[in-house]
Each structure stands twice: as structure tokens, then as C-alpha cells.
Amino acid sequence: MAMNKNDAIQGFVSNNKPFSDYWEMQLAWTCHMDWLFSEHMITERQCQNWGNPCTPETFKRWCNKWYGLRSNYE
């Protein structure tokens, strides 16, 4: 059974250090999705449809939620 997106996000966060900018995070997320698919942990459809878990506008909130780094990104 394939994992859900929240599980993928939690695995992504636990295996990465905080990101310096949105684009660095976007590249890391894409690589993470490719890896999950290559390891048969998610389906091809999930890999193609799970966009980045945040947008450039919500990147600060993402970092605060997952890394507790509000001051570093404001």
C-alpha cells in the first residue's frame, strides 16, 4: 500500500535540514518524490500529482511549522 502525502512530508522533513530558500526546498521535494517512487513507496500518480507542500508565499510558515525557525525567514 502506498503512503499518504502527510507521511511523505514527515519523512521529507525528518531527513532534511532547514532550507535557505523556497527553491532549494522545491528541488529537495522533487528528489524526495522521485526517490519514493523509485522505491515503490508511492504510486506514479502520487508522484505526478503531489506538488510542493508549500508555495513561495507560505514558505515562512512552512519553516516555522516544521523546523521552528520563524526568525530566520522573516
PDB file of N, CA and C in Angstrom:
ATOM      1  N   MET A   1       0.842  -1.184   0.000  1.00  0.00           N
ATOM      2  CA  MET A   1       0.000   0.000   0.000  1.00  0.00           C
ATOM      3  C   MET A   1       0.888   1.248   0.000  1.00  0.00           C
ATOM      4  N   ALA A   2       0.536   2.202  -0.817  1.00  0.00           N
ATOM      5  CA  ALA A   2       1.317   3.440  -0.928  1.00  0.00           C
ATOM      6  C   ALA A   2       1.055   4.343   0.281  1.00  0.00           C
ATOM      7  N   MET A   3       2.038   5.148   0.606  1.00  0.00           N
ATOM      8  CA  MET A   3       1.894   6.062   1.744  1.00  0.00           C
ATOM      9  C   MET A   3       1.046   7.270   1.355  1.00  0.00           C
ATOM     10  N   ASN A   4       0.582   8.003   2.364  1.00  0.00           N
ATOM     11  CA  ASN A   4      -0.178   9.214   2.083  1.00  0.00           C
ATOM     12  C   ASN A   4       0.770  10.418   2.077  1.00  0.00           C
ATOM     13  N   LYS A   5       0.272  11.549   1.610  1.00  0.00           N
ATOM     14  CA  LYS A   5       1.123  12.730   1.449  1.00  0.00           C
ATOM     15  C   LYS A   5       1.666  13.227   2.781  1.00  0.00           C
ATOM     16  N   ASN A   6       0.874  13.178   3.826  1.00  0.00           N
ATOM     17  CA  ASN A   6       1.353  13.640   5.133  1.00  0.00           C
ATOM     18  C   ASN A   6       2.547  12.800   5.605  1.00  0.00           C
ATOM     19  N   ASP A   7       2.482  11.487   5.393  1.00  0.00           N
ATOM     20  CA  ASP A   7       3.627  10.626   5.736  1.00  0.00           C
ATOM     21  C   ASP A   7       4.853  10.996   4.912  1.00  0.00           C
ATOM     22  N   ALA A   8       4.641  11.294   3.634  1.00  0.00           N
ATOM     23  CA  ALA A   8       5.754  11.692   2.768  1.00  0.00           C
ATOM     24  C   ALA A   8       6.372  12.999   3.259  1.00  0.00           C
ATOM     25  N   ILE A   9       5.540  13.949   3.669  1.00  0.00           N
ATOM     26  CA  ILE A   9       6.044  15.229   4.178  1.00  0.00           C
ATOM     27  C   ILE A   9       6.828  15.016   5.463  1.00  0.00           C
ATOM     28  N   GLN A  10       6.304  14.215   6.364  1.00  0.00           N
ATOM     29  CA  GLN A  10       7.006  13.967   7.625  1.00  0.00           C
ATOM     30  C   GLN A  10       8.362  13.302   7.386  1.00  0.00           C
ATOM     31  N   GLY A  11       8.424  12.355   6.457  1.00  0.00           N
ATOM     32  CA  GLY A  11       9.695  11.730   6.119  1.00  0.00           C
ATOM     33  C   GLY A  11      10.657  12.714   5.488  1.00  0.00           C
ATOM     34  N   PHE A  12      10.127  13.580   4.655  1.00  0.00           N
ATOM     35  CA  PHE A  12      10.929  14.608   3.997  1.00  0.00           C
ATOM     36  C   PHE A  12      11.552  15.549   5.029  1.00  0.00           C
ATOM     37  N   VAL A  13      10.753  16.016   5.956  1.00  0.00           N
ATOM     38  CA  VAL A  13      11.227  16.944   6.977  1.00  0.00           C
ATOM     39  C   VAL A  13      12.255  16.279   7.887  1.00  0.00           C
ATOM     40  N   SER A  14      12.000  15.037   8.267  1.00  0.00           N
ATOM     41  CA  SER A  14      12.912  14.370   9.201  1.00  0.00           C
ATOM     42  C   SER A  14      14.261  14.046   8.568  1.00  0.00           C
ATOM     43  N   ASN A  15      14.320  14.016   7.245  1.00  0.00           N
ATOM     44  CA  ASN A  15      15.569  13.682   6.564  1.00  0.00           C
ATOM     45  C   ASN A  15      16.286  14.881   5.949  1.00  0.00           C
ATOM     46  N   ASN A  16      15.810  16.078   6.210  1.00  0.00           N
ATOM     47  CA  ASN A  16      16.418  17.268   5.633  1.00  0.00           C
ATOM     48  C   ASN A  16      16.654  18.318   6.701  1.00  0.00           C
ATOM     49  N   LYS A  17      17.698  19.084   6.499  1.00  0.00           N
ATOM     50  CA  LYS A  17      17.945  20.239   7.353  1.00  0.00           C
ATOM     51  C   LYS A  17      17.046  21.377   6.872  1.00  0.00           C
ATOM     52  N   PRO A  18      16.897  22.436   7.662  1.00  0.00           N
ATOM     53  CA  PRO A  18      16.096  23.577   7.190  1.00  0.00           C
ATOM     54  C   PRO A  18      16.658  24.133   5.880  1.00  0.00           C
ATOM     55  N   PHE A  19      15.792  24.641   5.057  1.00  0.00           N
ATOM     56  CA  PHE A  19      16.172  25.147   3.745  1.00  0.00           C
ATOM     57  C   PHE A  19      16.397  26.644   3.781  1.00  0.00           C
ATOM     58  N   SER A  20      17.369  27.102   2.991  1.00  0.00           N
ATOM     59  CA  SER A  20      17.690  28.524   2.966  1.00  0.00           C
ATOM     60  C   SER A  20      16.695  29.310   2.125  1.00  0.00           C
ATOM     61  N   ASP A  21      16.071  28.665   1.161  1.00  0.00           N
ATOM     62  CA  ASP A  21      15.060  29.353   0.373  1.00  0.00           C
ATOM     63  C   ASP A  21      14.069  28.357  -0.214  1.00  0.00           C
ATOM     64  N   TYR A  22      13.017  28.892  -0.773  1.00  0.00           N
ATOM     65  CA  TYR A  22      11.943  28.076  -1.321  1.00  0.00           C
ATOM     66  C   TYR A  22      12.444  27.159  -2.447  1.00  0.00           C
ATOM     67  N   TRP A  23      13.287  27.674  -3.319  1.00  0.00           N
ATOM     68  CA  TRP A  23      13.724  26.909  -4.488  1.00  0.00           C
ATOM     69  C   TRP A  23      14.591  25.730  -4.092  1.00  0.00           C
ATOM     70  N   GLU A  24      15.387  25.893  -3.059  1.00  0.00           N
ATOM     71  CA  GLU A  24      16.171  24.769  -2.544  1.00  0.00           C
ATOM     72  C   GLU A  24      15.235  23.684  -2.017  1.00  0.00           C
ATOM     73  N   MET A  25      14.200  24.108  -1.311  1.00  0.00           N
ATOM     74  CA  MET A  25      13.221  23.165  -0.776  1.00  0.00           C
ATOM     75  C   MET A  25      12.453  22.479  -1.904  1.00  0.00           C
ATOM     76  N   GLN A  26      12.109  23.207  -2.936  1.00  0.00           N
ATOM     77  CA  GLN A  26      11.371  22.631  -4.051  1.00  0.00           C
ATOM     78  C   GLN A  26      12.193  21.537  -4.744  1.00  0.00           C
ATOM     79  N   LEU A  27      13.464  21.783  -4.967  1.00  0.00           N
ATOM     80  CA  LEU A  27      14.327  20.782  -5.588  1.00  0.00           C
ATOM     81  C   LEU A  27      14.437  19.540  -4.698  1.00  0.00           C
ATOM     82  N   ALA A  28      14.626  19.751  -3.411  1.00  0.00           N
ATOM     83  CA  ALA A  28      14.736  18.619  -2.484  1.00  0.00           C
ATOM     84  C   ALA A  28      13.437  17.806  -2.461  1.00  0.00           C
ATOM     85  N   TRP A  29      12.287  18.484  -2.505  1.00  0.00           N
ATOM     86  CA  TRP A  29      10.991  17.788  -2.506  1.00  0.00           C
ATOM     87  C   TRP A  29      10.847  16.937  -3.768  1.00  0.00           C
ATOM     88  N   THR A  30      11.221  17.481  -4.917  1.00  0.00           N
ATOM     89  CA  THR A  30      11.130  16.753  -6.172  1.00  0.00           C
ATOM     90  C   THR A  30      12.015  15.501  -6.128  1.00  0.00           C
ATOM     91  N   CYS A  31      13.217  15.655  -5.607  1.00  0.00           N
ATOM     92  CA  CYS A  31      14.117  14.498  -5.473  1.00  0.00           C
ATOM     93  C   CYS A  31      13.544  13.471  -4.510  1.00  0.00           C
ATOM     94  N   HIS A  32      12.934  13.943  -3.429  1.00  0.00           N
ATOM     95  CA  HIS A  32      12.309  13.044  -2.449  1.00  0.00           C
ATOM     96  C   HIS A  32      11.174  12.258  -3.105  1.00  0.00           C
ATOM     97  N   MET A  33      10.330  12.928  -3.895  1.00  0.00           N
ATOM     98  CA  MET A  33       9.230  12.245  -4.573  1.00  0.00           C
ATOM     99  C   MET A  33       9.771  11.204  -5.558  1.00  0.00           C
ATOM    100  N   ASP A  34      10.806  11.562  -6.306  1.00  0.00           N
ATOM    101  CA  ASP A  34      11.402  10.609  -7.240  1.00  0.00           C
ATOM    102  C   ASP A  34      11.942   9.385  -6.516  1.00  0.00           C
ATOM    103  N   TRP A  35      12.574   9.612  -5.376  1.00  0.00           N
ATOM    104  CA  TRP A  35      13.117   8.502  -4.601  1.00  0.00           C
ATOM    105  C   TRP A  35      11.995   7.600  -4.077  1.00  0.00           C
ATOM    106  N   LEU A  36      10.936   8.217  -3.520  1.00  0.00           N
ATOM    107  CA  LEU A  36       9.817   7.413  -3.012  1.00  0.00           C
ATOM    108  C   LEU A  36       9.211   6.560  -4.118  1.00  0.00           C
ATOM    109  N   PHE A  37       9.091   7.141  -5.304  1.00  0.00           N
ATOM    110  CA  PHE A  37       8.532   6.394  -6.428  1.00  0.00           C
ATOM    111  C   PHE A  37       9.477   5.273  -6.848  1.00  0.00           C
ATOM    112  N   SER A  38      10.764   5.545  -6.933  1.00  0.00           N
ATOM    113  CA  SER A  38      11.722   4.517  -7.359  1.00  0.00           C
ATOM    114  C   SER A  38      11.797   3.358  -6.375  1.00  0.00           C
ATOM    115  N   GLU A  39      11.486   3.641  -5.105  1.00  0.00           N
ATOM    116  CA  GLU A  39      11.473   2.599  -4.079  1.00  0.00           C
ATOM    117  C   GLU A  39      10.094   1.951  -3.923  1.00  0.00           C
ATOM    118  N   HIS A  40       9.162   2.311  -4.802  1.00  0.00           N
ATOM    119  CA  HIS A  40       7.797   1.767  -4.810  1.00  0.00           C
ATOM    120  C   HIS A  40       7.032   2.085  -3.522  1.00  0.00           C
ATOM    121  N   MET A  41       7.345   3.222  -2.929  1.00  0.00           N
ATOM    122  CA  MET A  41       6.645   3.634  -1.715  1.00  0.00           C
ATOM    123  C   MET A  41       5.436   4.508  -2.041  1.00  0.00           C
ATOM    124  N   ILE A  42       5.422   5.107  -3.235  1.00  0.00           N
ATOM    125  CA  ILE A  42       4.268   5.837  -3.723  1.00  0.00           C
ATOM    126  C   ILE A  42       4.017   5.412  -5.160  1.00  0.00           C
ATOM    127  N   THR A  43       2.808   5.667  -5.622  1.00  0.00           N
ATOM    128  CA  THR A  43       2.446   5.305  -6.990  1.00  0.00           C
ATOM    129  C   THR A  43       2.916   6.384  -7.961  1.00  0.00           C
ATOM    130  N   GLU A  44       2.904   6.047  -9.233  1.00  0.00           N
ATOM    131  CA  GLU A  44       3.261   7.026 -10.259  1.00  0.00           C
ATOM    132  C   GLU A  44       2.308   8.220 -10.205  1.00  0.00           C
ATOM    133  N   ARG A  45       1.042   7.940  -9.994  1.00  0.00           N
ATOM    134  CA  ARG A  45       0.052   9.026  -9.919  1.00  0.00           C
ATOM    135  C   ARG A  45       0.348   9.964  -8.740  1.00  0.00           C
ATOM    136  N   GLN A  46       0.686   9.409  -7.583  1.00  0.00           N
ATOM    137  CA  GLN A  46       1.038  10.244  -6.439  1.00  0.00           C
ATOM    138  C   GLN A  46       2.268  11.088  -6.765  1.00  0.00           C
ATOM    139  N   CYS A  47       3.264  10.492  -7.370  1.00  0.00           N
ATOM    140  CA  CYS A  47       4.490  11.207  -7.707  1.00  0.00           C
ATOM    141  C   CYS A  47       4.196  12.371  -8.648  1.00  0.00           C
ATOM    142  N   GLN A  48       3.313  12.173  -9.589  1.00  0.00           N
ATOM    143  CA  GLN A  48       2.999  13.208 -10.563  1.00  0.00           C
ATOM    144  C   GLN A  48       2.066  14.289 -10.017  1.00  0.00           C
ATOM    145  N   ASN A  49       1.246  13.950  -9.029  1.00  0.00           N
ATOM    146  CA  ASN A  49       0.223  14.890  -8.574  1.00  0.00           C
ATOM    147  C   ASN A  49       0.511  15.584  -7.255  1.00  0.00           C
ATOM    148  N   TRP A  50       1.462  15.097  -6.483  1.00  0.00           N
ATOM    149  CA  TRP A  50       1.776  15.743  -5.217  1.00  0.00           C
ATOM    150  C   TRP A  50       2.727  16.893  -5.475  1.00  0.00           C
ATOM    151  N   GLY A  51       2.186  18.057  -5.567  1.00  0.00           N
ATOM    152  CA  GLY A  51       3.018  19.229  -5.748  1.00  0.00           C
ATOM    153  C   GLY A  51       3.778  19.544  -4.471  1.00  0.00           C
ATOM    154  N   ASN A  52       4.602  20.556  -4.565  1.00  0.00           N
ATOM    155  CA  ASN A  52       5.366  21.003  -3.415  1.00  0.00           C
ATOM    156  C   ASN A  52       4.414  21.280  -2.255  1.00  0.00           C
ATOM    157  N   PRO A  53       4.768  20.896  -1.033  1.00  0.00           N
ATOM    158  CA  PRO A  53       3.850  21.060   0.095  1.00  0.00           C
ATOM    159  C   PRO A  53       3.633  22.502   0.537  1.00  0.00           C
ATOM    160  N   CYS A  54       4.374  23.443  -0.001  1.00  0.00           N
ATOM    161  CA  CYS A  54       4.098  24.850   0.300  1.00  0.00           C
ATOM    162  C   CYS A  54       4.367  25.677  -0.947  1.00  0.00           C
ATOM    163  N   THR A  55       3.964  26.914  -0.905  1.00  0.00           N
ATOM    164  CA  THR A  55       4.189  27.848  -2.004  1.00  0.00           C
ATOM    165  C   THR A  55       5.247  28.853  -1.565  1.00  0.00           C
ATOM    166  N   PRO A  56       5.778  29.645  -2.492  1.00  0.00           N
ATOM    167  CA  PRO A  56       6.726  30.683  -2.055  1.00  0.00           C
ATOM    168  C   PRO A  56       6.135  31.599  -0.982  1.00  0.00           C
ATOM    169  N   GLU A  57       4.841  31.860  -1.075  1.00  0.00           N
ATOM    170  CA  GLU A  57       4.181  32.746  -0.112  1.00  0.00           C
ATOM    171  C   GLU A  57       4.051  32.116   1.274  1.00  0.00           C
ATOM    172  N   THR A  58       3.953  30.809   1.332  1.00  0.00           N
ATOM    173  CA  THR A  58       3.771  30.142   2.619  1.00  0.00           C
ATOM    174  C   THR A  58       5.060  29.502   3.135  1.00  0.00           C
ATOM    175  N   PHE A  59       6.174  29.757   2.481  1.00  0.00           N
ATOM    176  CA  PHE A  59       7.445  29.149   2.876  1.00  0.00           C
ATOM    177  C   PHE A  59       7.831  29.493   4.310  1.00  0.00           C
ATOM    178  N   LYS A  60       7.627  30.746   4.720  1.00  0.00           N
ATOM    179  CA  LYS A  60       7.960  31.146   6.104  1.00  0.00           C
ATOM    180  C   LYS A  60       7.157  30.331   7.113  1.00  0.00           C
ATOM    181  N   ARG A  61       5.874  30.173   6.844  1.00  0.00           N
ATOM    182  CA  ARG A  61       5.041  29.377   7.762  1.00  0.00           C
ATOM    183  C   ARG A  61       5.464  27.918   7.756  1.00  0.00           C
ATOM    184  N   TRP A  62       5.845  27.397   6.588  1.00  0.00           N
ATOM    185  CA  TRP A  62       6.327  26.015   6.480  1.00  0.00           C
ATOM    186  C   TRP A  62       7.529  25.818   7.390  1.00  0.00           C
ATOM    187  N   CYS A  63       8.505  26.726   7.297  1.00  0.00           N
ATOM    188  CA  CYS A  63       9.726  26.609   8.094  1.00  0.00           C
ATOM    189  C   CYS A  63       9.420  26.719   9.587  1.00  0.00           C
ATOM    190  N   ASN A  64       8.495  27.574   9.937  1.00  0.00           N
ATOM    191  CA  ASN A  64       8.118  27.713  11.338  1.00  0.00           C
ATOM    192  C   ASN A  64       7.427  26.451  11.832  1.00  0.00           C
ATOM    193  N   LYS A  65       6.515  25.918  11.040  1.00  0.00           N
ATOM    194  CA  LYS A  65       5.763  24.724  11.452  1.00  0.00           C
ATOM    195  C   LYS A  65       6.678  23.516  11.610  1.00  0.00           C
ATOM    196  N   TRP A  66       7.527  23.255  10.636  1.00  0.00           N
ATOM    197  CA  TRP A  66       8.302  22.031  10.622  1.00  0.00           C
ATOM    198  C   TRP A  66       9.667  22.144  11.279  1.00  0.00           C
ATOM    199  N   TYR A  67      10.242  23.344  11.289  1.00  0.00           N
ATOM    200  CA  TYR A  67      11.588  23.494  11.826  1.00  0.00           C
ATOM    201  C   TYR A  67      11.681  24.469  12.995  1.00  0.00           C
ATOM    202  N   GLY A  68      10.579  25.177  13.298  1.00  0.00           N
ATOM    203  CA  GLY A  68      10.593  26.139  14.395  1.00  0.00           C
ATOM    204  C   GLY A  68      11.546  27.297  14.141  1.00  0.00           C
ATOM    205  N   LEU A  69      11.624  27.742  12.888  1.00  0.00           N
ATOM    206  CA  LEU A  69      12.607  28.754  12.522  1.00  0.00           C
ATOM    207  C   LEU A  69      11.980  30.053  12.045  1.00  0.00           C
ATOM    208  N   ARG A  70      11.021  30.540  12.747  1.00  0.00           N
ATOM    209  CA  ARG A  70      10.335  31.757  12.328  1.00  0.00           C
ATOM    210  C   ARG A  70      11.306  32.917  12.101  1.00  0.00           C
ATOM    211  N   SER A  71      12.189  33.189  13.039  1.00  0.00           N
ATOM    212  CA  SER A  71      13.032  34.389  12.953  1.00  0.00           C
ATOM    213  C   SER A  71      14.026  34.326  11.797  1.00  0.00           C
ATOM    214  N   ASN A  72      14.446  33.145  11.394  1.00  0.00           N
ATOM    215  CA  ASN A  72      15.433  33.027  10.326  1.00  0.00           C
ATOM    216  C   ASN A  72      14.866  33.336   8.953  1.00  0.00           C
ATOM    217  N   TYR A  73      13.551  33.361   8.803  1.00  0.00           N
ATOM    218  CA  TYR A  73      12.955  33.513   7.476  1.00  0.00           C
ATOM    219  C   TYR A  73      12.077  34.745   7.351  1.00  0.00           C
ATOM    220  N   GLU A  74      12.130  35.620   8.308  1.00  0.00           N
ATOM    221  CA  GLU A  74      11.300  36.831   8.226  1.00  0.00           C
ATOM    222  C   GLU A  74      12.147  38.026   7.875  1.00  0.00           C
TER     223      GLU A  74
END
